[in-house]
Amino acid sequence: MFHVFAALIGLYVIGRFVPPLPVGTLWKWLIAFVILLVSQYHLVNRLFLGGMASPEVPFPVLAFGGWLFGAFILLAGFLLIRDIVSLFLWTAHKTGLIPVSIIFGYRWMLGLGMAALLLSAVGVWQAVRIPDVRRIDITLEKLPAELDGLKLVQLTDLHASRLFQATWIRAVVNRTNALNPDLIVITGDLVDGSTIDRAPDVAPLADLKARLGVFAVTGNHEYYSNYINWMKAFRRLGLNILGNEHVLIADRDRALVLAGVTDRVAANFGLPEPDIGKALSGAPGDLPVILMAHQPKGSSTYASAGVDLQLSGHTHGGQVLGIHWITRMANDGYVSGLYRVGDMQLYVSNGTGLWNGFPVRLGKPSEITEIVLHTPARHHPEPDRQKP
């Protein structure tokens, strides 16, 4: 279905972009063929290059393919906006609101095409660069005074692949360790590909250091890439995987609850679904609860269960300003940043990496998230954003 939808977008782009171009018929057919081929980028990956989730091709090939596909998506968006504006102007002219008819000629087409190619190139660079650190301060009502200033670093959506290889993962690990975190949490989608293909790329994760431990939950992509094998591999790397369970994080004679749930796609593979009741079973009710859940969907259920802070990823922040509105609608209204959900706070990271199938970021930068926890008595203001 995905490939059919992409083909329909391709036909729309061809129909709106190609006919006005000032070139001969043969060139128009060639341009149309290239656009249709680019629209089927993921089908080509699936059939010939090792898989849609993780094509096993060199980095330059992935970056080049991602650049072309990104330009295709941006051009489709530009053409849609142009058509909407054209319809508005035509209606305004017919009703006498504007005296002259305005026509977008072939120069507009060329300009939109060049803009799409240029912005996609910038977007690919933004996607594959080493993320900057984003610091946020969060106040938890139940946090003991002794734990004020506790520092967590959240990594999410690393998507280790031929696009994000060992050198990139190593740089992320080094930047994370340089923050000297008390606790490191990884909220899913660590990998794309098999344990055989990705073992060298995820190896640097073994060097993550935090005095209170390194914990993780699964994302949807772990299930696409042989969940059972990856659970064994992650534990060999020293990652503590929380699947519908919790641990007590004890420090300075005080403690908090760190819980984790499985991902929502688990049921599609006959594996345990997210179960917040099981995850918090036996947890002390007077301690603050931090929950790792890959997807922000279903956060109201977690808030009702007594979670104080939920940490999620999955959305990649929407990746492109404008497209993020669609991502927000698909994720219960949550896409990026800090939200209030009942008595719970929800932080949705833009992601440290992203899926190599659309490696473009524009206005939605990747991040390594440094989260500093505070007690109410030592509140450090940070504007919350309500769910739209």
Protein backbone atom coordinates (compact mmCIF):
# COMPACT_ATOMS: atom_id res chain seq x y z
CA MET A 1 0.00 0.00 0.00
CA PHE A 2 2.90 2.36 0.83
CA HIS A 3 4.39 1.91 -2.65
CA VAL A 4 1.02 2.48 -4.33
CA PHE A 5 0.55 5.70 -2.36
CA ALA A 6 4.08 6.82 -3.30
CA ALA A 7 3.32 6.05 -6.96
CA LEU A 8 0.17 8.17 -6.83
CA ILE A 9 2.20 11.07 -5.44
CA GLY A 10 4.69 10.45 -8.25
CA LEU A 11 1.97 10.66 -10.88
CA TYR A 12 0.73 13.90 -9.33
CA VAL A 13 4.23 15.41 -9.43
CA ILE A 14 4.70 14.28 -13.03
CA GLY A 15 1.35 15.69 -14.09
CA ARG A 16 1.90 19.08 -12.47
CA PHE A 17 5.67 19.52 -12.91
CA VAL A 18 6.67 18.02 -16.26
CA PRO A 19 4.25 19.41 -18.93
CA PRO A 20 5.20 23.10 -18.48
CA LEU A 21 8.96 22.43 -18.76
CA PRO A 22 10.58 24.04 -21.85
CA VAL A 23 12.15 20.81 -23.15
CA GLY A 24 11.35 18.32 -25.89
CA THR A 25 9.00 15.38 -25.58
CA LEU A 26 11.82 12.84 -25.14
CA TRP A 27 13.27 14.80 -22.23
CA LYS A 28 9.85 15.11 -20.64
CA TRP A 29 9.38 11.34 -20.79
CA LEU A 30 12.85 10.85 -19.29
CA ILE A 31 12.16 13.30 -16.44
CA ALA A 32 8.81 11.62 -15.81
CA PHE A 33 10.49 8.20 -15.64
CA VAL A 34 13.10 9.47 -13.15
CA ILE A 35 10.40 11.01 -10.93
CA LEU A 36 8.40 7.76 -10.95
CA LEU A 37 11.55 5.76 -10.18
CA VAL A 38 12.43 8.02 -7.26
CA SER A 39 8.89 7.66 -5.93
CA GLN A 40 9.54 3.90 -5.74
CA TYR A 41 12.82 4.33 -3.83
CA HIS A 42 11.65 2.09 -0.99
CA LEU A 43 10.36 -0.61 -3.32
CA VAL A 44 13.76 -0.68 -5.03
CA ASN A 45 15.40 -1.01 -1.62
CA ARG A 46 13.07 -3.84 -0.66
CA LEU A 47 13.51 -5.81 -3.88
CA PHE A 48 17.16 -5.26 -4.71
CA LEU A 49 19.14 -3.63 -1.89
CA GLY A 50 18.55 -5.74 1.21
CA GLY A 51 15.27 -4.44 2.59
CA MET A 52 13.08 -1.41 3.04
CA ALA A 53 13.99 -0.95 6.71
CA SER A 54 17.72 -1.27 6.22
CA PRO A 55 19.22 -1.31 2.70
CA GLU A 56 22.72 -2.77 2.95
CA VAL A 57 24.45 -0.32 0.62
CA PRO A 58 27.31 2.14 1.17
CA PHE A 59 26.66 5.40 3.00
CA PRO A 60 27.03 7.62 -0.13
CA VAL A 61 24.38 5.55 -1.95
CA LEU A 62 21.95 5.86 0.98
CA ALA A 63 22.59 9.57 1.31
CA PHE A 64 22.13 10.11 -2.43
CA GLY A 65 18.91 8.09 -2.53
CA GLY A 66 17.63 9.89 0.54
CA TRP A 67 18.44 13.25 -1.04
CA LEU A 68 16.47 12.42 -4.19
CA PHE A 69 13.50 10.99 -2.27
CA GLY A 70 13.53 13.97 0.08
CA ALA A 71 13.52 16.36 -2.89
CA PHE A 72 10.61 14.40 -4.40
CA ILE A 73 8.54 14.74 -1.20
CA LEU A 74 9.38 18.44 -0.86
CA LEU A 75 8.53 19.09 -4.52
CA ALA A 76 5.17 17.36 -4.07
CA GLY A 77 4.47 19.65 -1.12
CA PHE A 78 5.51 22.74 -3.04
CA LEU A 79 3.30 21.79 -5.98
CA LEU A 80 0.33 21.20 -3.71
CA ILE A 81 0.79 24.63 -2.14
CA ARG A 82 1.13 26.18 -5.60
CA ASP A 83 -2.07 24.51 -6.77
CA ILE A 84 -3.98 25.69 -3.71
CA VAL A 85 -2.71 29.25 -4.20
CA SER A 86 -3.54 29.04 -7.92
CA LEU A 87 -7.10 27.92 -7.16
CA PHE A 88 -7.51 30.78 -4.70
CA LEU A 89 -6.18 33.35 -7.20
CA TRP A 90 -8.35 31.97 -10.03
CA THR A 91 -11.43 32.14 -7.80
CA ALA A 92 -10.52 35.68 -6.71
CA HIS A 93 -10.11 36.72 -10.35
CA LYS A 94 -13.41 35.17 -11.46
CA THR A 95 -15.26 36.90 -8.62
CA GLY A 96 -13.61 40.24 -9.37
CA LEU A 97 -11.53 40.43 -6.20
CA ILE A 98 -8.36 40.83 -8.27
CA PRO A 99 -8.39 42.45 -11.70
CA VAL A 100 -5.86 40.26 -13.53
CA SER A 101 -5.26 36.53 -13.80
CA ILE A 102 -1.95 35.30 -12.37
CA ILE A 103 -0.35 32.28 -14.05
CA PHE A 104 2.60 30.29 -12.67
CA GLY A 105 4.74 29.46 -15.70
CA TYR A 106 7.64 27.11 -16.30
CA ARG A 107 10.08 29.39 -14.45
CA TRP A 108 8.09 28.69 -11.30
CA MET A 109 8.43 24.96 -11.99
CA LEU A 110 12.18 25.23 -12.39
CA GLY A 111 12.43 27.33 -9.24
CA LEU A 112 10.39 24.86 -7.20
CA GLY A 113 12.50 21.97 -8.50
CA MET A 114 15.78 23.68 -7.61
CA ALA A 115 14.46 24.69 -4.19
CA ALA A 116 13.43 21.09 -3.47
CA LEU A 117 16.85 19.74 -4.45
CA LEU A 118 18.71 22.39 -2.44
CA LEU A 119 16.57 22.09 0.69
CA SER A 120 16.75 18.29 0.58
CA ALA A 121 20.56 18.48 0.46
CA VAL A 122 20.55 20.76 3.52
CA GLY A 123 18.05 18.41 5.19
CA VAL A 124 20.23 15.33 4.65
CA TRP A 125 23.21 17.13 6.14
CA GLN A 126 21.10 18.17 9.14
CA ALA A 127 19.93 14.57 9.56
CA VAL A 128 23.33 12.86 9.56
CA ARG A 129 25.34 15.39 11.60
CA ILE A 130 26.21 14.61 15.21
CA PRO A 131 23.30 15.93 17.31
CA ASP A 132 23.65 18.88 19.62
CA VAL A 133 22.76 18.61 23.30
CA ARG A 134 19.33 19.95 24.27
CA ARG A 135 18.96 20.68 27.98
CA ILE A 136 15.61 20.82 29.73
CA ASP A 137 14.73 21.21 33.41
CA ILE A 138 11.76 19.26 34.75
CA THR A 139 10.15 19.59 38.17
CA LEU A 140 8.66 16.46 39.73
CA GLU A 141 6.33 16.91 42.70
CA LYS A 142 7.38 13.66 44.37
CA LEU A 143 11.11 14.02 43.81
CA PRO A 144 12.99 13.86 47.13
CA ALA A 145 15.10 16.91 47.91
CA GLU A 146 18.19 14.71 48.02
CA LEU A 147 17.70 13.90 44.32
CA ASP A 148 17.33 17.51 43.19
CA GLY A 149 19.64 18.05 40.21
CA LEU A 150 19.67 14.39 39.16
CA LYS A 151 20.78 14.32 35.53
CA LEU A 152 19.34 11.95 32.94
CA VAL A 153 20.45 11.77 29.33
CA GLN A 154 17.87 10.48 26.88
CA LEU A 155 18.89 8.95 23.58
CA THR A 156 16.22 7.72 21.20
CA ASP A 157 15.75 6.63 17.60
CA LEU A 158 19.42 5.98 16.98
CA HIS A 159 18.48 3.76 14.03
CA ALA A 160 21.95 2.28 13.64
CA SER A 161 22.26 1.40 9.94
CA ARG A 162 24.53 1.93 6.97
CA LEU A 163 23.56 5.60 7.31
CA PHE A 164 24.42 5.80 11.02
CA GLN A 165 27.45 3.59 11.38
CA ALA A 166 29.90 2.87 14.19
CA THR A 167 31.79 6.18 13.84
CA TRP A 168 28.52 8.13 14.24
CA ILE A 169 27.38 5.99 17.17
CA ARG A 170 30.82 6.44 18.77
CA ALA A 171 30.54 10.23 18.47
CA VAL A 172 27.09 10.15 20.10
CA VAL A 173 28.42 7.96 22.92
CA ASN A 174 31.35 10.32 23.51
CA ARG A 175 29.11 13.39 23.56
CA THR A 176 26.73 11.63 25.96
CA ASN A 177 29.48 10.52 28.33
CA ALA A 178 30.94 14.03 28.32
CA LEU A 179 27.74 15.22 30.04
CA ASN A 180 28.64 13.01 33.01
CA PRO A 181 25.03 11.78 33.43
CA ASP A 182 23.73 10.06 36.52
CA LEU A 183 21.43 7.90 34.41
CA ILE A 184 21.13 7.12 30.69
CA VAL A 185 17.84 6.07 29.11
CA ILE A 186 17.34 4.93 25.51
CA THR A 187 13.72 5.03 24.40
CA GLY A 188 13.68 2.62 21.49
CA ASP A 189 14.50 2.22 17.80
CA LEU A 190 18.17 1.56 18.40
CA VAL A 191 18.73 -0.37 15.18
CA ASP A 192 17.72 -1.08 11.61
CA GLY A 193 18.95 -4.41 10.32
CA SER A 194 20.04 -7.81 11.59
CA THR A 195 22.41 -8.50 14.47
CA ILE A 196 24.93 -9.81 11.94
CA ASP A 197 24.87 -6.64 9.84
CA ARG A 198 24.66 -4.15 12.72
CA ALA A 199 26.90 -5.71 15.40
CA PRO A 200 29.92 -3.48 14.60
CA ASP A 201 27.73 -0.37 14.45
CA VAL A 202 26.08 -0.80 17.86
CA ALA A 203 29.28 -1.97 19.58
CA PRO A 204 30.14 1.56 20.86
CA LEU A 205 26.95 1.53 22.98
CA ALA A 206 28.82 -0.76 25.38
CA ASP A 207 30.91 2.27 26.35
CA LEU A 208 27.99 4.38 27.59
CA LYS A 209 28.70 5.33 31.19
CA ALA A 210 26.34 6.51 33.92
CA ARG A 211 26.84 5.85 37.61
CA LEU A 212 23.22 4.72 38.10
CA GLY A 213 23.07 2.60 34.96
CA VAL A 214 22.05 2.51 31.31
CA PHE A 215 18.47 1.41 30.60
CA ALA A 216 16.47 0.99 27.40
CA VAL A 217 13.14 -0.06 25.95
CA THR A 218 12.28 -1.42 22.55
CA GLY A 219 10.86 0.60 19.68
CA ASN A 220 8.88 -0.61 16.71
CA HIS A 221 12.00 -1.12 14.58
CA GLU A 222 13.45 -3.70 16.95
CA TYR A 223 10.48 -5.91 16.09
CA TYR A 224 11.09 -5.49 12.37
CA SER A 225 14.69 -6.65 12.83
CA ASN A 226 14.41 -9.92 14.81
CA TYR A 227 13.47 -8.87 18.32
CA ILE A 228 14.74 -11.99 20.09
CA ASN A 229 18.26 -11.75 18.67
CA TRP A 230 18.47 -8.05 19.45
CA MET A 231 17.42 -8.51 23.08
CA LYS A 232 20.34 -10.88 23.55
CA ALA A 233 22.70 -8.51 21.74
CA PHE A 234 21.62 -5.47 23.80
CA ARG A 235 22.15 -7.30 27.08
CA ARG A 236 25.64 -8.32 25.93
CA LEU A 237 26.32 -4.61 25.41
CA GLY A 238 25.34 -3.92 29.03
CA LEU A 239 22.00 -2.30 28.24
CA ASN A 240 19.31 -3.06 30.82
CA ILE A 241 16.12 -3.67 28.82
CA LEU A 242 12.88 -2.96 30.64
CA GLY A 243 9.94 -4.80 29.07
CA ASN A 244 6.80 -4.12 31.12
CA GLU A 245 8.84 -3.94 34.29
CA HIS A 246 10.49 -1.45 36.61
CA VAL A 247 13.58 -0.97 38.74
CA LEU A 248 14.29 1.23 41.74
CA ILE A 249 17.01 3.79 41.10
CA ALA A 250 18.56 4.39 44.52
CA ASP A 251 20.85 7.33 45.23
CA ARG A 252 21.73 9.34 48.36
CA ASP A 253 19.47 7.13 50.51
CA ARG A 254 16.48 8.00 48.33
CA ALA A 255 14.95 6.38 45.26
CA LEU A 256 12.75 6.79 42.23
CA VAL A 257 10.99 4.27 40.01
CA LEU A 258 12.18 3.78 36.44
CA ALA A 259 9.76 1.72 34.36
CA GLY A 260 9.63 0.63 30.75
CA VAL A 261 6.97 -0.80 28.47
CA THR A 262 7.21 -2.70 25.22
CA ASP A 263 6.23 -1.11 21.93
CA ARG A 264 2.70 -0.97 20.53
CA VAL A 265 3.60 -3.09 17.46
CA ALA A 266 4.65 -6.06 19.62
CA ALA A 267 1.24 -7.72 19.29
CA ASN A 268 1.73 -7.93 15.50
CA PHE A 269 4.63 -10.30 16.18
CA GLY A 270 2.97 -12.37 18.89
CA LEU A 271 4.99 -10.67 21.62
CA PRO A 272 3.84 -8.91 24.83
CA GLU A 273 1.99 -5.65 24.33
CA PRO A 274 2.64 -2.57 26.51
CA ASP A 275 1.27 -3.30 29.99
CA ILE A 276 1.62 -0.40 32.41
CA GLY A 277 -0.09 -2.37 35.19
CA LYS A 278 2.51 -5.10 34.96
CA ALA A 279 5.32 -2.57 34.59
CA LEU A 280 4.39 -0.81 37.86
CA SER A 281 3.29 -3.90 39.80
CA GLY A 282 4.87 -3.75 43.25
CA ALA A 283 6.31 -0.27 42.77
CA PRO A 284 6.16 1.94 45.91
CA GLY A 285 3.35 4.46 45.52
CA ASP A 286 5.16 7.31 47.27
CA LEU A 287 8.11 7.48 44.84
CA PRO A 288 8.25 9.47 41.59
CA VAL A 289 7.74 7.28 38.52
CA ILE A 290 9.61 7.84 35.26
CA LEU A 291 8.35 5.77 32.34
CA MET A 292 10.18 4.93 29.13
CA ALA A 293 7.70 4.33 26.29
CA HIS A 294 8.90 4.56 22.71
CA GLN A 295 5.69 6.03 21.28
CA PRO A 296 3.87 8.98 22.87
CA LYS A 297 0.54 7.40 21.93
CA GLY A 298 -1.49 6.18 24.88
CA SER A 299 0.10 8.61 27.31
CA SER A 300 -3.24 9.37 28.97
CA THR A 301 -3.36 5.74 30.11
CA TYR A 302 0.08 6.06 31.63
CA ALA A 303 -0.88 9.32 33.35
CA SER A 304 -3.91 7.62 34.89
CA ALA A 305 -1.66 4.82 36.17
CA GLY A 306 0.34 7.27 38.27
CA VAL A 307 3.34 7.98 36.04
CA ASP A 308 4.96 11.34 36.80
CA LEU A 309 7.19 11.69 33.75
CA GLN A 310 7.02 9.82 30.44
CA LEU A 311 9.97 9.89 28.06
CA SER A 312 9.29 9.03 24.43
CA GLY A 313 10.63 9.36 20.91
CA HIS A 314 9.33 7.77 17.70
CA THR A 315 8.10 10.97 16.02
CA HIS A 316 11.56 12.33 15.12
CA GLY A 317 9.97 15.70 15.85
CA GLY A 318 8.19 15.46 12.52
CA GLN A 319 11.57 15.94 10.78
CA VAL A 320 10.38 18.77 8.50
CA LEU A 321 8.60 21.91 9.60
CA GLY A 322 5.12 21.68 8.13
CA ILE A 323 5.17 17.91 7.76
CA HIS A 324 5.33 17.78 11.57
CA TRP A 325 1.60 18.68 11.64
CA ILE A 326 0.84 15.33 9.98
CA THR A 327 3.13 13.52 12.42
CA ARG A 328 1.39 15.23 15.32
CA MET A 329 -2.04 14.06 14.15
CA ALA A 330 -0.74 10.48 13.93
CA ASN A 331 0.58 10.57 17.51
CA ASP A 332 -2.32 11.80 19.64
CA GLY A 333 -1.22 15.41 19.15
CA TYR A 334 2.29 14.93 20.54
CA VAL A 335 5.30 15.49 18.29
CA SER A 336 8.12 17.40 20.00
CA GLY A 337 8.95 18.88 23.40
CA LEU A 338 7.36 18.96 26.84
CA TYR A 339 3.62 18.47 27.38
CA ARG A 340 1.26 18.21 30.33
CA VAL A 341 -1.01 15.15 30.29
CA GLY A 342 -3.24 15.31 33.35
CA ASP A 343 -0.89 15.20 36.33
CA MET A 344 1.89 13.70 34.21
CA GLN A 345 4.56 15.40 32.15
CA LEU A 346 5.49 13.97 28.77
CA TYR A 347 8.71 14.72 26.95
CA VAL A 348 8.91 13.74 23.28
CA SER A 349 12.43 13.91 21.88
CA ASN A 350 13.12 14.90 18.29
CA GLY A 351 15.32 11.81 18.15
CA THR A 352 19.06 11.31 18.04
CA GLY A 353 18.97 9.72 14.60
CA LEU A 354 16.19 8.70 12.22
CA TRP A 355 15.09 6.03 9.78
CA ASN A 356 17.31 5.98 6.70
CA GLY A 357 14.27 5.83 4.39
CA PHE A 358 13.67 9.58 4.71
CA PRO A 359 16.92 11.10 6.03
CA VAL A 360 15.87 14.76 5.95
CA ARG A 361 15.56 17.30 8.78
CA LEU A 362 14.49 20.89 8.24
CA GLY A 363 13.62 22.97 11.29
CA LYS A 364 13.40 19.88 13.52
CA PRO A 365 16.97 19.16 14.64
CA SER A 366 18.13 15.91 16.17
CA GLU A 367 19.12 15.94 19.82
CA ILE A 368 20.90 14.34 22.72
CA THR A 369 18.58 15.30 25.56
CA GLU A 370 20.02 16.32 28.91
CA ILE A 371 17.21 16.27 31.48
CA VAL A 372 17.80 17.74 34.92
CA LEU A 373 15.22 16.85 37.57
CA HIS A 374 14.18 19.29 40.28
CA THR A 375 12.02 19.36 43.36
CA PRO A 376 9.20 21.96 43.53
CA ALA A 377 11.11 23.96 46.15
CA ARG A 378 13.93 24.48 43.64
CA HIS A 379 11.81 25.05 40.58
CA HIS A 380 13.57 26.10 37.42
CA PRO A 381 10.93 27.45 35.02
CA GLU A 382 10.52 25.63 31.74
CA PRO A 383 7.40 26.45 29.70
CA ASP A 384 5.15 23.46 29.29
CA ARG A 385 3.19 23.09 26.08
CA GLN A 386 -0.29 21.72 26.38
CA LYS A 387 -1.60 19.10 24.01
CA PRO A 388 -3.26 20.93 21.09
